[in-house]
Amino acid sequence: MDFIHHWIVNLGVDADIAIYFSTTLTIILVALLCIVANFFTKKIVVRIISHMVSKSKFKWDDVLLKRKVFHKLSHIVPAIIIYYFAPTFPRYQHFIENGANIYLIIVGLIIMSTALDAFNDIYQTYEISKIRPIKGVIQIVKIVMGILGIILIISILINKSPFILLSGLGALSAVLMLVFKDSILGLVAGVQLSANDMVRVGDWITMPKHGADGDVIEISLHTVKVQNFDKTITTIPSYSLISDSFINWRGMQTAGGRRIKRSIFIDVNSISFCDNEMINRFRKIQFLSDYIDERLAEIEKYNETHHIDRSTPVNGRALTNIGVFRAYITNYLNHHPGIHKGMTLMVRQLEPTEKGLPVELYCFTNTTDWGEYETIQGDIFDHLFAIAPEFDLRIFQNPSGHDFKSINNEMKRLTTLEH
């Protein structure tokens, strides 16, 4: 500035007026220098770095480039230039230096935040990110950096040491606890979820209280996002997964089999002992031929051993159509290609109800795919509903309009015949 001032005075300009001219020219020159430096950094240095990154075999530097970390670094250069030119304006040096420092802190926070986002992107390319997500931890780090940045900016503005402000935070702890309640709860919940491996990205969870039934797509500091099967998104507070119950279907997916647990209701009035005609008919069924022979031999041996009088079916042991039907279902499931043979498989009777006798199938498919599971389950019950009459069994169903209409037509027919 002194050089410019002398140069202007030598041109014949008044000394007092020359001060204003020299100050204005100096400001313009510094501004031009900042613009040129920023342009040089962005257009040349960053372009060279981008070219080197594109040629590199590593993937992490591509993420940094995509997040524009290098571009944001260019904003530091003008602030450094302004800071070092501050002594040129002695009267305003303190304000210029403080402004430059505050600007550097803000830019530094933005760069670190972007770098953390880039680190999270890189981390998500590894399988461990589904087991141990770090987005919540990164958000905590951002909050801490933001608080420290604010403390530094305030300390610069009031010209006090930041340690004085930090020492006063104890008195504000209650306020901070209130303001950051969700963040603290989220942090604690995130640590528990991660430490206990309760939920991962990609897990299928069910939480009726929050209307969630789908796959976890994101675990953050405050929330867990679930994409439901109808493609809607449900956002659940992280601490709700700790305080409330939910179902995680990961065990089913890992085991490789999905459970079928469904009953067929049999009309108890259709249950009866098997006569010779029924037994001969059942012998022709592929899944029952060996079973019939083995059971008949066992029953006959038992009755002979205990001298049972079989002149009445009440005495001794005998085959029933419901028992043969259960044996058929068991053999049918054992030979079904869609049923997992290494998991529990049984056909059992439950307690009779006003709807009949429940015959429950309890088994597992050999796939966890939803569509394939429903197809296998549907095919099995389609077959069983169709095959039940072959065992002289009736499937229970509440009377429908068609049933009442048939009864009414039959009554009319009988009335007509009587007359």
Protein backbone atom coordinates (compact mmCIF):
# COMPACT_ATOMS: atom_id res chain seq x y z
CA MET A 1 0.00 0.00 0.00
CA ASP A 2 2.90 2.37 0.78
CA PHE A 3 4.37 1.74 -2.65
CA ILE A 4 1.04 2.47 -4.34
CA HIS A 5 0.57 5.58 -2.18
CA HIS A 6 4.00 6.99 -3.17
CA TRP A 7 3.33 6.17 -6.82
CA ILE A 8 0.03 8.07 -6.77
CA VAL A 9 1.57 11.04 -4.95
CA ASN A 10 4.33 11.19 -7.56
CA LEU A 11 1.60 11.49 -10.16
CA GLY A 12 0.65 14.82 -8.56
CA VAL A 13 -2.35 13.67 -6.54
CA ASP A 14 -2.93 15.21 -3.12
CA ALA A 15 -1.53 13.03 -0.27
CA ASP A 16 -4.86 12.79 1.58
CA ILE A 17 -6.70 11.77 -1.57
CA ALA A 18 -3.89 9.38 -2.49
CA ILE A 19 -4.56 7.42 0.72
CA TYR A 20 -8.11 6.61 -0.44
CA PHE A 21 -6.90 5.71 -3.94
CA SER A 22 -4.11 3.48 -2.62
CA THR A 23 -6.49 1.70 -0.21
CA THR A 24 -9.04 1.11 -2.97
CA LEU A 25 -6.40 -0.15 -5.41
CA THR A 26 -4.91 -2.43 -2.78
CA ILE A 27 -8.34 -3.95 -2.02
CA ILE A 28 -8.95 -4.45 -5.75
CA LEU A 29 -5.53 -6.08 -6.21
CA VAL A 30 -6.07 -8.43 -3.25
CA ALA A 31 -9.53 -9.33 -4.58
CA LEU A 32 -8.10 -9.99 -8.05
CA LEU A 33 -5.32 -12.10 -6.50
CA CYS A 34 -7.92 -14.16 -4.60
CA ILE A 35 -10.00 -14.66 -7.75
CA VAL A 36 -6.96 -15.68 -9.79
CA ALA A 37 -5.73 -18.03 -7.05
CA ASN A 38 -9.15 -19.62 -6.71
CA PHE A 39 -9.46 -19.95 -10.49
CA PHE A 40 -5.99 -21.46 -10.74
CA THR A 41 -6.74 -23.93 -7.95
CA LYS A 42 -10.09 -25.03 -9.40
CA LYS A 43 -9.29 -25.10 -13.09
CA ILE A 44 -5.70 -26.34 -13.03
CA VAL A 45 -4.76 -27.99 -9.75
CA VAL A 46 -8.14 -29.71 -9.21
CA ARG A 47 -8.24 -30.74 -12.87
CA ILE A 48 -4.78 -32.30 -12.57
CA ILE A 49 -5.87 -34.11 -9.41
CA SER A 50 -9.06 -35.30 -11.15
CA HIS A 51 -7.02 -36.64 -14.05
CA MET A 52 -4.68 -38.48 -11.68
CA VAL A 53 -7.66 -39.93 -9.78
CA SER A 54 -9.32 -41.16 -12.97
CA LYS A 55 -6.12 -42.99 -13.89
CA SER A 56 -5.69 -44.47 -10.44
CA LYS A 57 -6.65 -48.09 -9.73
CA PHE A 58 -8.05 -47.23 -6.30
CA LYS A 59 -11.76 -46.63 -5.78
CA TRP A 60 -11.64 -44.47 -2.64
CA ASP A 61 -10.16 -41.48 -4.46
CA ASP A 62 -13.03 -41.66 -6.99
CA VAL A 63 -15.48 -41.27 -4.10
CA LEU A 64 -13.56 -38.23 -2.82
CA LEU A 65 -13.73 -36.74 -6.30
CA LYS A 66 -17.45 -37.50 -6.60
CA ARG A 67 -18.11 -35.82 -3.26
CA LYS A 68 -16.10 -32.78 -4.52
CA VAL A 69 -13.71 -32.78 -1.57
CA PHE A 70 -10.89 -31.43 -3.74
CA HIS A 71 -13.10 -28.69 -5.17
CA LYS A 72 -14.03 -27.49 -1.70
CA LEU A 73 -10.37 -27.37 -0.67
CA SER A 74 -9.89 -24.58 -3.22
CA HIS A 75 -11.98 -22.22 -1.05
CA ILE A 76 -9.21 -22.18 1.56
CA VAL A 77 -6.75 -20.40 -0.73
CA PRO A 78 -8.53 -16.97 -0.87
CA ALA A 79 -8.96 -16.96 2.92
CA ILE A 80 -5.22 -17.59 3.42
CA ILE A 81 -4.36 -14.76 1.02
CA ILE A 82 -6.70 -12.33 2.81
CA TYR A 83 -5.29 -13.36 6.19
CA TYR A 84 -1.69 -12.67 5.15
CA PHE A 85 -2.62 -9.35 3.55
CA ALA A 86 -4.41 -8.19 6.73
CA PRO A 87 -1.32 -6.25 8.04
CA THR A 88 -1.63 -4.09 4.92
CA PHE A 89 -4.65 -2.48 6.63
CA PRO A 90 -3.39 -1.87 10.19
CA ARG A 91 -6.59 -0.20 11.37
CA TYR A 92 -8.75 -3.18 10.33
CA GLN A 93 -6.15 -5.93 10.69
CA HIS A 94 -7.82 -7.52 13.72
CA PHE A 95 -11.26 -7.69 12.06
CA ILE A 96 -9.84 -9.01 8.79
CA GLU A 97 -7.85 -11.74 10.53
CA ASN A 98 -10.85 -12.74 12.65
CA GLY A 99 -13.09 -12.86 9.58
CA ALA A 100 -10.54 -14.96 7.69
CA ASN A 101 -10.19 -17.35 10.65
CA ILE A 102 -13.97 -17.74 10.97
CA TYR A 103 -14.22 -18.39 7.24
CA LEU A 104 -11.43 -21.00 7.46
CA ILE A 105 -13.22 -22.74 10.34
CA ILE A 106 -16.51 -22.87 8.40
CA VAL A 107 -14.83 -24.13 5.23
CA GLY A 108 -12.83 -26.65 7.28
CA LEU A 109 -16.05 -27.98 8.85
CA ILE A 110 -17.68 -28.31 5.43
CA ILE A 111 -14.64 -30.14 4.04
CA MET A 112 -14.43 -32.52 7.02
CA SER A 113 -18.18 -33.20 6.81
CA THR A 114 -17.87 -34.01 3.11
CA ALA A 115 -14.81 -36.17 3.75
CA LEU A 116 -16.74 -38.12 6.40
CA ASP A 117 -19.60 -38.66 3.93
CA ALA A 118 -17.06 -39.92 1.41
CA PHE A 119 -15.59 -42.26 4.04
CA ASN A 120 -19.09 -43.63 4.72
CA ASP A 121 -19.60 -44.20 0.98
CA ILE A 122 -16.31 -46.10 0.81
CA TYR A 123 -17.21 -48.12 3.92
CA GLN A 124 -20.56 -49.12 2.43
CA THR A 125 -18.79 -50.88 -0.44
CA TYR A 126 -17.69 -53.55 2.05
CA GLU A 127 -19.97 -56.33 3.34
CA ILE A 128 -19.21 -55.45 6.97
CA SER A 129 -21.17 -52.20 6.51
CA LYS A 130 -24.40 -54.26 6.57
CA ILE A 131 -23.43 -55.76 9.91
CA ARG A 132 -21.77 -52.71 11.47
CA PRO A 133 -23.16 -49.50 9.92
CA ILE A 134 -21.26 -46.36 10.92
CA LYS A 135 -23.62 -43.65 9.69
CA GLY A 136 -24.81 -42.96 13.24
CA VAL A 137 -21.21 -42.65 14.46
CA ILE A 138 -20.39 -40.27 11.62
CA GLN A 139 -23.37 -38.11 12.49
CA ILE A 140 -22.17 -37.95 16.11
CA VAL A 141 -18.71 -36.89 14.92
CA LYS A 142 -20.32 -34.18 12.77
CA ILE A 143 -22.28 -32.88 15.76
CA VAL A 144 -19.14 -32.79 17.92
CA MET A 145 -17.19 -31.00 15.17
CA GLY A 146 -20.04 -28.52 14.77
CA ILE A 147 -20.09 -27.77 18.50
CA LEU A 148 -16.30 -27.32 18.57
CA GLY A 149 -16.48 -25.09 15.49
CA ILE A 150 -19.15 -22.90 17.10
CA ILE A 151 -17.03 -22.63 20.27
CA LEU A 152 -13.99 -21.60 18.23
CA ILE A 153 -15.98 -18.99 16.29
CA ILE A 154 -17.44 -17.52 19.50
CA SER A 155 -13.99 -17.46 21.11
CA ILE A 156 -12.66 -15.53 18.09
CA LEU A 157 -15.52 -13.03 18.20
CA ILE A 158 -15.17 -12.31 21.93
CA ASN A 159 -11.36 -12.62 21.81
CA LYS A 160 -11.27 -15.21 24.62
CA SER A 161 -9.65 -18.61 24.91
CA PRO A 162 -11.93 -21.47 23.78
CA PHE A 163 -11.00 -23.32 26.98
CA ILE A 164 -12.91 -20.70 28.98
CA LEU A 165 -16.03 -21.50 26.99
CA LEU A 166 -15.45 -25.24 27.37
CA SER A 167 -15.19 -24.86 31.14
CA GLY A 168 -18.61 -23.20 31.15
CA LEU A 169 -20.27 -26.05 29.31
CA GLY A 170 -20.83 -27.87 32.59
CA ALA A 171 -23.42 -25.29 33.57
CA LEU A 172 -25.14 -25.78 30.21
CA SER A 173 -25.17 -29.59 30.39
CA ALA A 174 -28.86 -29.69 31.39
CA VAL A 175 -29.78 -27.51 28.43
CA LEU A 176 -27.61 -29.59 26.10
CA MET A 177 -29.21 -32.78 27.41
CA LEU A 178 -32.62 -31.33 26.54
CA VAL A 179 -31.60 -30.00 23.13
CA PHE A 180 -29.73 -33.16 22.10
CA LYS A 181 -32.05 -35.65 23.82
CA ASP A 182 -32.90 -37.46 20.59
CA SER A 183 -29.25 -37.53 19.55
CA ILE A 184 -28.16 -38.99 22.89
CA LEU A 185 -30.94 -41.59 22.87
CA GLY A 186 -30.10 -42.38 19.25
CA LEU A 187 -26.41 -42.76 20.08
CA VAL A 188 -27.13 -45.14 22.98
CA ALA A 189 -29.61 -47.09 20.84
CA GLY A 190 -27.16 -47.25 17.95
CA VAL A 191 -24.42 -48.65 20.18
CA GLN A 192 -26.79 -51.28 21.60
CA LEU A 193 -28.15 -52.23 18.18
CA SER A 194 -24.63 -52.60 16.83
CA ALA A 195 -23.13 -54.34 19.88
CA ASN A 196 -25.98 -56.85 20.15
CA ASP A 197 -26.28 -57.26 16.37
CA MET A 198 -30.04 -56.69 16.64
CA VAL A 199 -30.60 -55.25 13.17
CA ARG A 200 -28.59 -54.79 9.99
CA VAL A 201 -29.13 -53.08 6.67
CA GLY A 202 -31.00 -55.56 4.49
CA ASP A 203 -32.78 -57.33 7.37
CA TRP A 204 -36.50 -57.97 7.07
CA ILE A 205 -38.14 -56.67 10.24
CA THR A 206 -41.76 -56.45 11.38
CA MET A 207 -42.89 -53.81 13.87
CA PRO A 208 -46.70 -53.46 13.85
CA LYS A 209 -46.66 -50.57 16.33
CA HIS A 210 -44.95 -48.37 13.72
CA GLY A 211 -46.55 -50.01 10.69
CA ALA A 212 -43.22 -51.43 9.52
CA ASP A 213 -43.00 -54.69 7.57
CA GLY A 214 -40.13 -54.77 5.11
CA ASP A 215 -36.37 -54.43 4.60
CA VAL A 216 -34.08 -52.09 6.53
CA ILE A 217 -32.49 -49.71 4.03
CA GLU A 218 -30.74 -47.26 6.35
CA ILE A 219 -29.59 -47.07 9.98
CA SER A 220 -28.73 -43.53 11.09
CA LEU A 221 -28.23 -41.73 14.39
CA HIS A 222 -31.87 -40.90 15.03
CA THR A 223 -33.86 -43.22 12.77
CA VAL A 224 -34.03 -46.59 11.07
CA LYS A 225 -35.66 -46.53 7.62
CA VAL A 226 -37.67 -49.55 6.54
CA GLN A 227 -38.93 -50.03 2.99
CA ASN A 228 -42.20 -51.91 3.31
CA PHE A 229 -43.23 -54.50 0.77
CA ASP A 230 -45.75 -52.04 -0.70
CA LYS A 231 -42.72 -49.78 -1.44
CA THR A 232 -43.66 -47.22 1.21
CA ILE A 233 -40.99 -46.01 3.65
CA THR A 234 -41.48 -46.24 7.42
CA THR A 235 -39.14 -44.23 9.65
CA ILE A 236 -38.67 -45.65 13.15
CA PRO A 237 -36.79 -43.85 15.98
CA SER A 238 -33.65 -45.83 16.79
CA TYR A 239 -34.43 -46.00 20.49
CA SER A 240 -37.85 -47.56 19.71
CA LEU A 241 -36.04 -50.68 18.53
CA ILE A 242 -34.52 -50.93 22.01
CA SER A 243 -37.58 -50.02 24.09
CA ASP A 244 -40.22 -51.86 22.00
CA SER A 245 -40.31 -55.37 20.57
CA PHE A 246 -39.93 -56.19 16.90
CA ILE A 247 -39.44 -59.29 14.77
CA ASN A 248 -36.25 -59.76 12.79
CA TRP A 249 -36.59 -62.42 10.10
CA ARG A 250 -32.85 -62.70 9.54
CA GLY A 251 -32.71 -66.08 11.30
CA MET A 252 -35.25 -67.49 8.86
CA GLN A 253 -33.34 -66.10 5.88
CA THR A 254 -30.03 -67.42 7.21
CA ALA A 255 -31.44 -70.89 7.94
CA GLY A 256 -32.60 -71.21 4.33
CA GLY A 257 -36.13 -72.34 5.13
CA ARG A 258 -39.41 -70.57 5.79
CA ARG A 259 -42.09 -72.05 7.99
CA ILE A 260 -45.50 -73.25 6.85
CA LYS A 261 -47.93 -73.39 9.76
CA ARG A 262 -51.48 -73.67 8.50
CA SER A 263 -54.45 -75.89 9.28
CA ILE A 264 -57.16 -77.67 7.33
CA PHE A 265 -60.47 -77.87 9.22
CA ILE A 266 -62.15 -81.26 8.87
CA ASP A 267 -65.86 -81.76 9.50
CA VAL A 268 -65.89 -84.18 12.47
CA ASN A 269 -69.07 -85.81 11.15
CA SER A 270 -67.08 -87.17 8.21
CA ILE A 271 -64.52 -88.99 10.41
CA SER A 272 -65.01 -92.79 10.49
CA PHE A 273 -63.31 -96.19 10.72
CA CYS A 274 -61.95 -97.60 7.49
CA ASP A 275 -63.86 -100.53 5.98
CA ASN A 276 -62.42 -103.06 3.55
CA GLU A 277 -63.52 -101.08 0.52
CA MET A 278 -61.77 -97.96 1.80
CA ILE A 279 -58.61 -99.92 2.69
CA ASN A 280 -58.42 -101.45 -0.78
CA ARG A 281 -58.88 -98.02 -2.28
CA PHE A 282 -56.15 -96.51 -0.09
CA ARG A 283 -53.71 -99.29 -1.06
CA LYS A 284 -53.75 -97.94 -4.61
CA ILE A 285 -52.44 -94.56 -3.47
CA GLN A 286 -48.69 -94.44 -4.05
CA PHE A 287 -47.77 -92.70 -0.78
CA LEU A 288 -49.98 -95.05 1.30
CA SER A 289 -49.45 -98.58 0.00
CA ASP A 290 -46.54 -99.44 2.33
CA TYR A 291 -48.12 -97.56 5.23
CA ILE A 292 -51.41 -99.46 4.94
CA ASP A 293 -49.71 -102.86 4.92
CA GLU A 294 -47.45 -102.00 7.88
CA ARG A 295 -50.27 -100.53 9.97
CA LEU A 296 -52.68 -103.38 9.25
CA ALA A 297 -50.03 -105.94 10.25
CA GLU A 298 -49.32 -104.01 13.44
CA ILE A 299 -53.00 -103.63 14.31
CA GLU A 300 -53.78 -107.28 13.57
CA LYS A 301 -50.89 -108.45 15.73
CA TYR A 302 -52.01 -106.21 18.59
CA ASN A 303 -55.61 -107.40 18.43
CA GLU A 304 -54.56 -111.07 18.31
CA THR A 305 -52.15 -110.64 21.20
CA HIS A 306 -54.83 -109.05 23.37
CA HIS A 307 -57.64 -111.37 22.13
CA ILE A 308 -59.73 -108.48 20.89
CA ASP A 309 -63.23 -109.25 19.64
CA ARG A 310 -63.42 -107.39 16.32
CA SER A 311 -67.08 -108.20 15.71
CA THR A 312 -67.73 -104.62 16.69
CA PRO A 313 -65.45 -101.74 15.57
CA VAL A 314 -65.45 -100.28 19.08
CA ASN A 315 -63.10 -103.01 20.32
CA GLY A 316 -59.38 -102.97 19.73
CA ARG A 317 -57.51 -100.87 17.21
CA ALA A 318 -58.50 -99.97 13.65
CA LEU A 319 -57.60 -97.54 10.92
CA THR A 320 -59.53 -94.30 10.60
CA ASN A 321 -59.83 -92.15 7.52
CA ILE A 322 -58.47 -89.12 9.37
CA GLY A 323 -55.42 -91.10 10.53
CA VAL A 324 -54.74 -92.35 7.02
CA PHE A 325 -55.19 -88.81 5.74
CA ARG A 326 -52.55 -87.52 8.19
CA ALA A 327 -50.17 -90.28 7.12
CA TYR A 328 -50.76 -89.37 3.48
CA ILE A 329 -49.99 -85.68 4.14
CA THR A 330 -46.78 -86.61 5.99
CA ASN A 331 -45.54 -88.83 3.14
CA TYR A 332 -46.65 -86.27 0.58
CA LEU A 333 -44.61 -83.54 2.29
CA ASN A 334 -41.59 -85.84 2.65
CA HIS A 335 -41.60 -86.37 -1.11
CA HIS A 336 -42.39 -82.76 -2.04
CA PRO A 337 -39.41 -81.07 -3.79
CA GLY A 338 -40.18 -77.70 -2.22
CA ILE A 339 -40.06 -78.87 1.42
CA HIS A 340 -36.87 -78.68 3.49
CA LYS A 341 -36.04 -82.20 4.69
CA GLY A 342 -33.54 -81.08 7.33
CA MET A 343 -36.05 -79.08 9.40
CA THR A 344 -39.08 -79.94 11.50
CA LEU A 345 -41.85 -81.65 9.57
CA MET A 346 -45.03 -82.90 11.20
CA VAL A 347 -48.76 -83.14 10.67
CA ARG A 348 -50.74 -82.87 13.89
CA GLN A 349 -54.26 -82.56 15.21
CA LEU A 350 -55.15 -79.49 17.24
CA GLU A 351 -57.99 -79.08 19.69
CA PRO A 352 -61.39 -79.37 17.97
CA THR A 353 -63.35 -76.14 17.67
CA GLU A 354 -66.77 -75.08 16.46
CA LYS A 355 -65.21 -75.02 12.99
CA GLY A 356 -64.23 -78.69 13.08
CA LEU A 357 -61.01 -80.60 13.70
CA PRO A 358 -57.85 -78.64 12.71
CA VAL A 359 -55.21 -80.75 11.00
CA GLU A 360 -52.12 -78.55 11.07
CA LEU A 361 -49.15 -78.74 8.71
CA TYR A 362 -45.91 -77.66 10.37
CA CYS A 363 -42.95 -77.72 8.01
CA PHE A 364 -40.43 -75.50 6.21
CA THR A 365 -39.90 -74.70 2.56
CA ASN A 366 -36.39 -75.00 1.13
CA THR A 367 -36.46 -71.37 -0.03
CA THR A 368 -36.96 -68.04 1.71
CA ASP A 369 -38.04 -66.17 -1.41
CA TRP A 370 -41.49 -64.76 -0.72
CA GLY A 371 -42.94 -65.53 -4.15
CA GLU A 372 -41.61 -69.09 -4.27
CA TYR A 373 -42.76 -69.69 -0.67
CA GLU A 374 -46.33 -68.63 -1.43
CA THR A 375 -46.37 -70.76 -4.58
CA ILE A 376 -45.19 -73.89 -2.73
CA GLN A 377 -47.64 -73.34 0.12
CA GLY A 378 -50.51 -72.69 -2.29
CA ASP A 379 -49.75 -75.81 -4.35
CA ILE A 380 -49.68 -78.01 -1.24
CA PHE A 381 -53.04 -76.84 0.06
CA ASP A 382 -54.61 -76.86 -3.40
CA HIS A 383 -53.73 -80.54 -3.57
CA LEU A 384 -54.92 -81.34 -0.04
CA PHE A 385 -58.27 -79.59 -0.49
CA ALA A 386 -58.83 -81.52 -3.70
CA ILE A 387 -57.69 -84.88 -2.28
CA ALA A 388 -59.65 -84.81 1.04
CA PRO A 389 -62.88 -86.24 -0.48
CA GLU A 390 -60.90 -89.31 -1.61
CA PHE A 391 -60.61 -90.16 2.10
CA ASP A 392 -64.35 -89.61 2.63
CA LEU A 393 -63.55 -86.44 4.57
CA ARG A 394 -65.33 -83.11 4.25
CA ILE A 395 -63.56 -79.79 4.60
CA PHE A 396 -65.44 -77.58 7.05
CA GLN A 397 -66.83 -74.31 5.72
CA ASN A 398 -69.48 -72.02 7.12
CA PRO A 399 -72.70 -72.16 5.05
CA SER A 400 -72.69 -69.74 2.16
CA GLY A 401 -75.50 -68.21 0.13
CA HIS A 402 -75.13 -71.02 -2.40
CA ASP A 403 -75.67 -73.62 0.34
CA PHE A 404 -78.86 -71.95 1.58
CA LYS A 405 -80.08 -71.64 -2.01
CA SER A 406 -79.46 -75.36 -2.60
CA ILE A 407 -81.34 -76.26 0.60
CA ASN A 408 -84.23 -74.03 -0.42
CA ASN A 409 -84.41 -75.57 -3.89
CA GLU A 410 -84.34 -79.08 -2.40
CA MET A 411 -87.17 -78.21 0.00
CA LYS A 412 -89.25 -76.86 -2.89
CA ARG A 413 -88.60 -80.06 -4.88
CA LEU A 414 -89.67 -82.26 -1.98
CA THR A 415 -92.78 -80.14 -1.44
CA THR A 416 -93.67 -80.48 -5.12
CA LEU A 417 -93.26 -84.28 -4.96
CA GLU A 418 -95.52 -84.52 -1.91
CA HIS A 419 -98.27 -82.67 -3.70
